[in-house]
Protein backbone atom coordinates (compact mmCIF):
# COMPACT_ATOMS: atom_id res chain seq x y z
CA MET A 1 4.77 47.89 22.27
CA ALA A 2 7.35 46.64 19.77
CA GLY A 3 6.85 43.14 18.39
CA VAL A 4 9.40 40.34 18.62
CA SER A 5 11.81 39.78 15.75
CA THR A 6 11.99 36.65 13.59
CA GLU A 7 15.30 35.72 15.25
CA THR A 8 13.69 35.91 18.71
CA ILE A 9 10.86 33.61 17.56
CA LYS A 10 13.37 31.07 16.21
CA GLU A 11 15.46 31.28 19.39
CA LYS A 12 12.39 30.70 21.61
CA ILE A 13 11.32 27.71 19.51
CA ARG A 14 14.84 26.21 19.70
CA GLU A 15 14.45 26.17 23.51
CA LEU A 16 11.61 23.65 23.06
CA GLU A 17 13.67 21.15 21.04
CA GLU A 18 13.85 18.69 23.94
CA ILE A 19 10.14 18.93 24.68
CA LEU A 20 8.30 18.95 21.32
CA PRO A 21 8.84 16.87 18.14
CA ALA A 22 10.70 18.43 15.20
CA SER A 23 7.62 18.37 12.93
CA ILE A 24 5.59 20.48 15.40
CA LEU A 25 8.48 22.93 15.90
CA GLU A 26 8.90 23.36 12.14
CA GLU A 27 5.21 24.08 11.62
CA LEU A 28 5.11 26.41 14.66
CA GLU A 29 8.11 28.39 13.43
CA ARG A 30 6.69 28.67 9.91
CA GLU A 31 3.30 29.91 11.12
CA LEU A 32 4.68 32.33 13.74
CA VAL A 33 7.14 33.89 11.28
CA LYS A 34 4.32 34.25 8.74
CA VAL A 35 2.00 35.94 11.30
CA SER A 36 4.79 38.21 12.63
CA LYS A 37 5.26 39.64 9.12
CA GLU A 38 1.57 40.56 8.93
CA ARG A 39 1.20 41.94 12.47
CA SER A 40 3.49 42.36 15.45
CA ILE A 41 3.60 39.74 18.23
CA THR A 42 4.59 40.84 21.74
CA HIS A 43 6.89 38.82 24.04
CA GLU A 44 3.97 38.12 26.32
CA LYS A 45 1.80 36.86 23.44
CA LEU A 46 4.64 34.68 22.10
CA ASN A 47 5.17 33.03 25.50
CA GLN A 48 1.43 32.48 25.83
CA ILE A 49 1.26 30.80 22.38
CA LEU A 50 4.21 28.52 23.18
CA GLU A 51 2.65 27.51 26.51
CA GLU A 52 -0.66 26.67 24.83
CA VAL A 53 1.15 24.57 22.20
CA LYS A 54 2.96 22.65 24.95
CA LYS A 55 -0.31 22.04 26.80
CA ALA A 56 -2.06 20.87 23.62
CA TYR A 57 0.84 18.49 22.86
CA PHE A 58 0.87 16.97 26.35
CA ARG A 59 -2.92 16.56 26.24
CA SER A 60 -2.59 14.61 22.98
CA LEU A 61 -0.12 12.11 24.43
CA VAL A 62 -1.35 8.64 25.30
CA GLU A 63 -1.94 8.10 29.01
CA PRO A 64 0.22 5.43 30.68
CA GLY A 65 -1.64 2.12 30.56
CA GLU A 66 -3.92 3.19 27.70
CA PRO A 67 -4.95 0.13 25.59
CA VAL A 68 -3.85 1.67 22.29
CA GLY A 69 -4.22 -1.59 20.35
CA ILE A 70 -7.82 -2.11 21.43
CA VAL A 71 -8.69 1.55 20.75
CA ALA A 72 -7.09 1.33 17.27
CA ALA A 73 -8.89 -1.94 16.47
CA GLN A 74 -12.24 -0.53 17.56
CA SER A 75 -11.66 2.77 15.75
CA ILE A 76 -11.00 0.95 12.47
CA GLY A 77 -13.45 -1.94 12.95
CA GLU A 78 -16.53 0.05 13.95
CA PRO A 79 -16.65 2.35 10.88
CA GLY A 80 -15.53 -0.64 8.80
CA THR A 81 -18.96 -2.19 9.35
CA GLN A 82 -20.45 0.74 7.40
CA MET A 83 -18.32 0.10 4.32
CA THR A 84 -19.81 -1.10 1.05
CA LEU A 85 -18.87 -4.37 -0.65
CA ARG A 86 -18.90 -3.13 -4.22
CA THR A 87 -16.32 -2.28 -6.87
CA PHE A 88 -16.14 1.35 -7.94
CA HIS A 89 -14.67 3.29 -10.84
CA TYR A 90 -11.19 4.50 -9.97
CA ALA A 91 -10.41 8.18 -9.41
CA GLY A 92 -13.04 9.33 -11.89
CA VAL A 93 -11.59 7.14 -14.66
CA ALA A 94 -14.57 5.23 -16.03
CA GLU A 95 -12.40 2.76 -17.98
CA LEU A 96 -10.71 1.30 -14.88
CA ASN A 97 -12.33 -0.45 -11.94
CA VAL A 98 -10.77 -0.92 -8.53
CA THR A 99 -11.79 -2.85 -5.43
CA LEU A 100 -12.80 -0.43 -2.67
CA GLY A 101 -14.59 -0.60 0.65
CA LEU A 102 -14.34 -3.58 2.98
CA PRO A 103 -12.80 -6.03 0.46
CA ARG A 104 -9.95 -3.58 -0.17
CA LEU A 105 -9.37 -2.98 3.56
CA ILE A 106 -9.22 -6.76 4.11
CA GLU A 107 -6.72 -7.05 1.22
CA ILE A 108 -4.45 -4.46 2.84
CA LEU A 109 -4.56 -5.98 6.34
CA ASP A 110 -4.21 -9.54 5.02
CA VAL A 111 -1.24 -8.47 2.80
CA ARG A 112 -2.54 -10.34 -0.23
CA ARG A 113 0.28 -11.33 -2.58
CA THR A 114 -1.66 -9.87 -5.52
CA PRO A 115 -4.50 -7.34 -5.13
CA THR A 116 -7.80 -8.16 -6.85
CA THR A 117 -7.35 -5.09 -9.05
CA PRO A 118 -3.65 -4.07 -9.13
CA LEU A 119 -3.27 -0.48 -10.34
CA MET A 120 -0.51 2.06 -10.84
CA THR A 121 -0.61 5.84 -11.02
CA VAL A 122 2.33 6.89 -13.19
CA TYR A 123 3.45 10.52 -12.99
CA LEU A 124 5.85 11.89 -15.57
CA LYS A 125 8.58 14.52 -15.29
CA LYS A 126 7.32 18.13 -15.39
CA GLU A 127 8.74 18.92 -18.84
CA ILE A 128 6.91 15.92 -20.39
CA ALA A 129 3.69 15.75 -18.32
CA LYS A 130 2.02 18.72 -20.10
CA ASN A 131 2.57 17.32 -23.63
CA ARG A 132 -0.48 15.14 -24.38
CA GLU A 133 0.99 13.45 -27.46
CA ARG A 134 4.22 12.58 -25.69
CA VAL A 135 2.32 11.18 -22.70
CA LYS A 136 0.14 9.04 -25.00
CA GLU A 137 3.27 7.71 -26.68
CA ILE A 138 4.77 6.74 -23.29
CA ALA A 139 1.45 5.15 -22.27
CA GLN A 140 1.56 2.96 -25.39
CA ARG A 141 5.10 1.91 -24.49
CA ILE A 142 3.91 0.91 -21.00
CA GLU A 143 0.80 -1.01 -22.12
CA MET A 144 1.61 -4.66 -22.77
CA THR A 145 0.73 -5.77 -26.30
CA VAL A 146 0.54 -9.48 -27.15
CA VAL A 147 0.08 -11.25 -30.48
CA GLU A 148 -3.59 -11.96 -29.71
CA ASP A 149 -4.28 -8.18 -29.63
CA MET A 150 -3.01 -7.83 -33.22
CA VAL A 151 -4.83 -10.85 -34.71
CA SER A 152 -8.49 -10.73 -35.77
CA GLN A 153 -8.74 -14.49 -36.44
CA PHE A 154 -6.78 -17.69 -35.72
CA GLU A 155 -7.34 -20.58 -38.16
CA VAL A 156 -6.15 -24.19 -38.00
CA ASP A 157 -5.36 -25.40 -41.54
CA LEU A 158 -5.24 -29.19 -41.21
CA ILE A 159 -4.78 -29.76 -44.96
CA ASN A 160 -1.48 -27.81 -45.05
CA ARG A 161 -0.74 -28.61 -41.37
CA GLN A 162 -0.29 -25.03 -40.36
CA LEU A 163 -1.73 -22.13 -38.34
CA VAL A 164 -3.00 -19.04 -40.17
CA LEU A 165 -3.06 -15.72 -38.28
CA SER A 166 -5.18 -12.99 -39.92
CA LEU A 167 -3.76 -9.62 -38.79
CA ASN A 168 -5.98 -6.70 -37.82
CA LYS A 169 -4.66 -3.74 -39.84
CA VAL A 170 -6.51 -1.14 -37.74
CA ARG A 171 -4.95 -2.37 -34.48
CA LEU A 172 -1.51 -2.64 -36.10
CA LYS A 173 -1.75 1.03 -37.08
CA GLN A 174 -3.06 2.12 -33.65
CA LYS A 175 -0.24 0.38 -31.81
CA GLY A 176 2.43 1.12 -34.39
CA VAL A 177 3.32 -2.57 -34.74
CA LYS A 178 4.69 -3.92 -38.01
CA PRO A 179 3.80 -7.45 -39.26
CA GLU A 180 7.54 -8.23 -39.59
CA GLU A 181 7.92 -7.51 -35.86
CA ILE A 182 5.27 -10.16 -35.03
CA VAL A 183 6.98 -12.73 -37.29
CA LYS A 184 10.34 -12.05 -35.62
CA ARG A 185 8.91 -12.38 -32.08
CA ILE A 186 7.18 -15.71 -32.92
CA GLN A 187 10.46 -17.06 -34.33
CA GLU A 188 12.43 -15.90 -31.27
CA GLU A 189 9.97 -17.25 -28.69
CA LEU A 190 9.14 -20.62 -30.25
CA GLN A 191 12.31 -21.29 -32.27
CA LEU A 192 10.29 -22.00 -35.41
CA GLU A 193 11.80 -21.73 -38.86
CA GLU A 194 8.65 -21.80 -40.97
CA VAL A 195 6.90 -18.51 -40.08
CA ILE A 196 5.84 -16.90 -43.35
CA LEU A 197 4.31 -13.45 -43.84
CA ASP A 198 1.80 -13.45 -46.69
CA ASP A 199 0.25 -9.97 -47.10
CA SER A 200 -1.90 -9.56 -43.95
CA LYS A 201 -1.60 -13.20 -42.89
CA ILE A 202 1.09 -15.06 -40.97
CA LYS A 203 1.43 -18.80 -41.63
CA VAL A 204 3.09 -20.88 -38.93
CA ARG A 205 4.06 -24.51 -39.56
CA PRO A 206 5.49 -26.54 -36.65
CA LYS A 207 7.51 -29.76 -36.92
CA GLU A 208 4.70 -31.80 -35.32
CA ALA A 209 1.54 -30.84 -37.15
CA GLY A 210 -1.26 -32.86 -35.52
CA LEU A 211 -4.46 -31.14 -34.36
CA GLY A 212 -3.38 -31.26 -30.71
CA ALA A 213 0.06 -29.82 -31.51
CA LEU A 214 -1.47 -27.00 -33.57
CA ARG A 215 -3.87 -26.06 -30.75
CA GLN A 216 -1.04 -26.01 -28.20
CA LEU A 217 0.97 -23.83 -30.56
CA MET A 218 -1.98 -21.45 -30.97
CA ALA A 219 -2.25 -21.02 -27.18
CA LYS A 220 1.47 -20.22 -26.94
CA ILE A 221 1.38 -17.73 -29.83
CA ARG A 222 -1.59 -15.83 -28.36
CA GLY A 223 0.39 -14.86 -25.25
CA ILE A 224 3.66 -13.84 -26.91
CA SER A 225 4.58 -10.30 -25.83
CA LEU A 226 5.35 -7.80 -28.58
CA ARG A 227 6.06 -4.70 -26.51
CA GLY A 228 5.19 -2.93 -23.29
CA VAL A 229 5.69 -3.70 -19.60
CA LYS A 230 4.84 -7.18 -18.38
CA GLY A 231 1.72 -7.31 -16.20
CA ILE A 232 0.17 -4.05 -17.43
CA SER A 233 -2.87 -4.95 -19.53
CA ARG A 234 -4.43 -1.49 -20.05
CA VAL A 235 -3.54 2.18 -19.69
CA VAL A 236 -5.66 5.32 -19.44
CA VAL A 237 -4.34 8.88 -19.77
CA LYS A 238 -6.16 11.47 -17.66
CA LYS A 239 -5.56 15.19 -17.24
CA GLU A 240 -5.17 16.32 -13.63
CA GLY A 241 -4.65 20.04 -13.20
CA GLU A 242 -2.06 21.10 -15.75
CA GLU A 243 -0.45 17.69 -16.26
CA TYR A 244 -1.40 14.35 -17.77
CA VAL A 245 -1.24 11.25 -15.57
CA ILE A 246 -1.15 7.60 -16.70
CA TYR A 247 -3.35 5.09 -14.86
CA THR A 248 -2.60 1.42 -15.48
CA GLU A 249 -4.56 -1.77 -14.99
CA GLY A 250 -1.96 -4.18 -13.66
CA SER A 251 1.23 -3.31 -11.84
CA ASN A 252 4.98 -3.60 -12.45
CA LEU A 253 6.63 -0.85 -10.38
CA GLU A 254 10.19 -2.07 -10.90
CA GLU A 255 10.06 -1.90 -14.71
CA VAL A 256 8.10 1.36 -14.88
CA LEU A 257 10.57 3.14 -12.55
CA LYS A 258 13.39 2.23 -14.97
CA MET A 259 11.86 4.48 -17.63
CA GLU A 260 13.66 7.85 -17.89
CA GLU A 261 10.47 9.90 -18.43
CA VAL A 262 8.80 8.65 -15.23
CA ASP A 263 8.79 10.78 -12.07
CA LYS A 264 10.13 8.20 -9.60
CA ARG A 265 9.22 10.25 -6.51
CA ARG A 266 5.48 10.35 -7.20
CA THR A 267 4.70 7.16 -9.14
CA ILE A 268 2.79 4.70 -6.93
CA THR A 269 1.15 1.27 -7.00
CA ASN A 270 -1.60 -0.19 -4.81
CA ASP A 271 0.34 -3.49 -4.55
CA ILE A 272 1.93 -3.25 -1.08
CA VAL A 273 3.98 -6.46 -1.43
CA GLU A 274 5.51 -5.09 -4.63
CA VAL A 275 6.32 -1.78 -2.89
CA GLU A 276 8.22 -3.67 -0.19
CA ARG A 277 10.13 -5.74 -2.76
CA VAL A 278 11.13 -2.73 -4.88
CA LEU A 279 11.45 0.13 -2.36
CA GLY A 280 11.84 -1.54 1.04
CA ILE A 281 9.95 -1.95 4.31
CA GLU A 282 9.68 1.78 5.16
CA ALA A 283 8.00 2.48 1.83
CA ALA A 284 5.67 -0.49 2.43
CA ARG A 285 4.68 0.97 5.83
CA ARG A 286 3.85 4.26 4.15
CA ALA A 287 1.88 2.43 1.44
CA ILE A 288 -0.20 0.57 4.06
CA ILE A 289 -1.07 3.88 5.77
CA ASP A 290 -1.89 5.68 2.50
CA GLU A 291 -3.95 2.84 1.01
CA ALA A 292 -5.93 2.24 4.23
CA MET A 293 -6.65 5.96 4.74
CA LYS A 294 -7.66 6.37 1.09
CA THR A 295 -10.01 3.37 1.32
CA LEU A 296 -11.70 4.74 4.45
CA GLN A 297 -11.93 8.33 3.15
CA GLU A 298 -13.47 7.22 -0.15
CA GLN A 299 -16.29 5.72 1.90
CA GLY A 300 -16.72 9.01 3.80
CA LEU A 301 -15.39 7.52 7.05
CA GLU A 302 -13.22 9.50 9.44
CA VAL A 303 -10.53 7.50 11.26
CA ASP A 304 -7.59 9.19 12.99
CA ILE A 305 -4.43 8.41 11.03
CA ARG A 306 -2.61 7.45 14.26
CA HIS A 307 -4.72 4.29 14.57
CA ILE A 308 -3.72 3.27 11.04
CA MET A 309 -0.08 4.18 11.77
CA LEU A 310 -0.08 1.89 14.82
CA VAL A 311 -1.44 -1.00 12.75
CA ALA A 312 1.14 -0.31 10.00
CA ASP A 313 3.95 -0.22 12.60
CA MET A 314 2.87 -3.59 13.99
CA MET A 315 2.71 -5.06 10.48
CA THR A 316 6.22 -3.89 9.52
CA CYS A 317 8.22 -3.64 12.77
CA THR A 318 10.05 -6.96 12.20
CA GLY A 319 11.50 -5.83 8.86
CA ARG A 320 9.01 -7.86 6.83
CA ILE A 321 5.30 -7.35 6.22
CA ARG A 322 3.09 -9.49 8.44
CA GLN A 323 -0.65 -9.81 8.08
CA ILE A 324 -2.95 -9.20 11.04
CA GLY A 325 -4.48 -12.71 11.09
CA ARG A 326 -3.47 -16.23 12.05
CA HIS A 327 -0.39 -16.36 9.80
CA GLY A 328 0.91 -13.03 11.07
CA ILE A 329 0.61 -10.91 14.20
CA SER A 330 -2.17 -12.90 15.93
CA GLY A 331 -0.52 -16.23 15.16
CA GLU A 332 2.92 -15.09 16.37
CA LYS A 333 1.97 -13.79 19.82
CA PRO A 334 4.39 -14.97 22.55
CA SER A 335 1.48 -16.10 24.76
CA PHE A 336 0.08 -19.52 23.80
CA LEU A 337 -3.15 -18.70 25.68
CA ALA A 338 -3.62 -15.59 23.49
CA ARG A 339 -2.97 -17.67 20.36
CA ALA A 340 -5.41 -20.33 21.55
CA ALA A 341 -8.10 -17.71 22.23
CA PHE A 342 -7.87 -16.49 18.64
CA GLU A 343 -8.17 -19.68 16.56
CA THR A 344 -7.51 -23.45 16.58
CA THR A 345 -7.59 -23.59 20.39
CA VAL A 346 -6.84 -27.30 20.87
CA GLN A 347 -3.94 -27.26 18.40
CA HIS A 348 -2.21 -24.32 20.13
CA LEU A 349 -2.66 -25.80 23.61
CA LEU A 350 -1.42 -29.22 22.47
CA GLU A 351 1.68 -27.77 20.79
CA ALA A 352 2.42 -25.59 23.84
CA SER A 353 2.17 -28.60 26.18
CA LEU A 354 4.42 -30.70 23.93
CA ARG A 355 7.06 -27.96 23.92
CA GLY A 356 6.63 -27.22 27.63
CA GLU A 357 5.91 -23.52 27.03
CA LYS A 358 5.48 -21.09 29.92
CA ASP A 359 3.07 -18.17 29.68
CA PRO A 360 4.27 -14.97 31.45
CA LEU A 361 0.65 -13.65 31.50
CA LYS A 362 1.65 -10.16 30.40
CA GLY A 363 -1.13 -9.55 27.90
CA VAL A 364 -4.83 -8.79 28.14
CA ILE A 365 -6.37 -12.01 26.80
CA GLU A 366 -4.33 -14.43 28.92
CA ASN A 367 -5.19 -12.49 32.11
CA VAL A 368 -8.89 -12.50 31.24
CA ILE A 369 -8.70 -16.30 30.73
CA THR A 370 -6.97 -16.83 34.09
CA GLY A 371 -9.27 -14.41 35.93
CA GLN A 372 -6.57 -11.94 36.91
CA THR A 373 -6.38 -8.14 36.76
CA VAL A 374 -5.77 -7.00 33.20
CA PRO A 375 -2.51 -5.01 32.84
CA LEU A 376 -4.26 -1.89 31.51
CA GLY A 377 -4.97 1.46 33.10
CA THR A 378 -4.75 1.18 36.89
CA GLY A 379 -3.99 -2.54 36.46
CA THR A 380 -0.50 -1.67 35.18
CA VAL A 381 0.56 -0.57 38.68
CA GLU A 382 0.96 -3.02 41.55
CA LEU A 383 0.43 -1.45 44.99
CA VAL A 384 0.42 -3.11 48.38
CA MET A 385 -1.26 -1.16 51.16
CA GLY A 386 0.50 -1.50 54.51
CA THR A 387 -1.45 -1.93 57.78
CA GLU A 388 -0.05 1.32 59.17
CA TYR A 389 -0.96 3.35 56.06
CA GLY A 390 -4.43 4.22 57.36
CA ARG A 391 -2.95 5.84 60.49
CA GLY A 392 -0.99 8.38 58.49
CA ARG A 393 2.38 6.58 58.70
CA ARG A 394 4.14 5.41 55.56
CA ASN A 395 4.95 1.69 55.36
CA PRO A 396 8.49 1.29 53.98
CA SER A 397 7.64 -2.17 52.67
CA SER A 398 4.97 -0.73 50.32
CA SER A 399 5.87 -0.83 46.65
């Protein structure tokens, strides 16, 4: 029996456009076309495959009244109890540490303004990524270098009322920084006229030259930036496959994406708040999903991605990132009884009474408190059985 053509397969799949999602149809078409090239598929077999796919899809759908939030919370919370509380080396890079396990999961769900260990993975364009020397050069441009990194010793010379900075020649050579560059940056930042370069020493004399003034000046000079991207304290270059990748300690996605050599499509940061600020709320949603899944998988825990997706949707559905806790989703529930059941019970009840709030009792918690049927599963449907129903006659007043 002759097999079906590629066009027939595509035509049959197009008939399912109103039933199945586009992603499933694309994958189905790709796989069927691939198989049809290796061996022939009959019309009967094709119809059988499509029917099985439809059945599998409908089986995977959530039943009406299914408590998806509770299932998601339990599916994430239960394996979360098995997570470690330690800090691990990051992606096989011994030089960088990153918070993993439960502390990292809490950071993601609490939407901390700054992660404990902010990190970036910087990918470069294909033509540059294979050149080790070029990648190292770019890494040096990204790594923030301050005056303190280039100085081996700071001295307070009270006799001449000046600061003496002894430069470290080895570090200057490694970073490619010239002493004149340091002098210029100190003059620009602090508006000082008397900054003198004497061989490998820089002498700085302020207008007020007391001990306190000199110490304050020393603190300011230490933090003056010479080059690099603000916020990125260290970089590590690692070979992955055929290309070199830059890992950074510290994060500044906006500035790094401005660099021409950087592959903007693949470069990522673990700072979700920064992702939202630079790339928008959709990118932040994706970052929440990726970071949470990566954290769970690194601990060897299997959680269906749909549970994480539901949590990410709830966190971002308003157009801004909200945390799960009292200052976010739980604290913004429309039911004051649900809010009171979570935290600060008396405060929520008092505020609700002052404002004269009404509770529609549509959620789970508020119905449990009031002793009513929870609107889940069979509780989502309200049926009234008529007196004539038991005799085989339908009661028109039943709803």
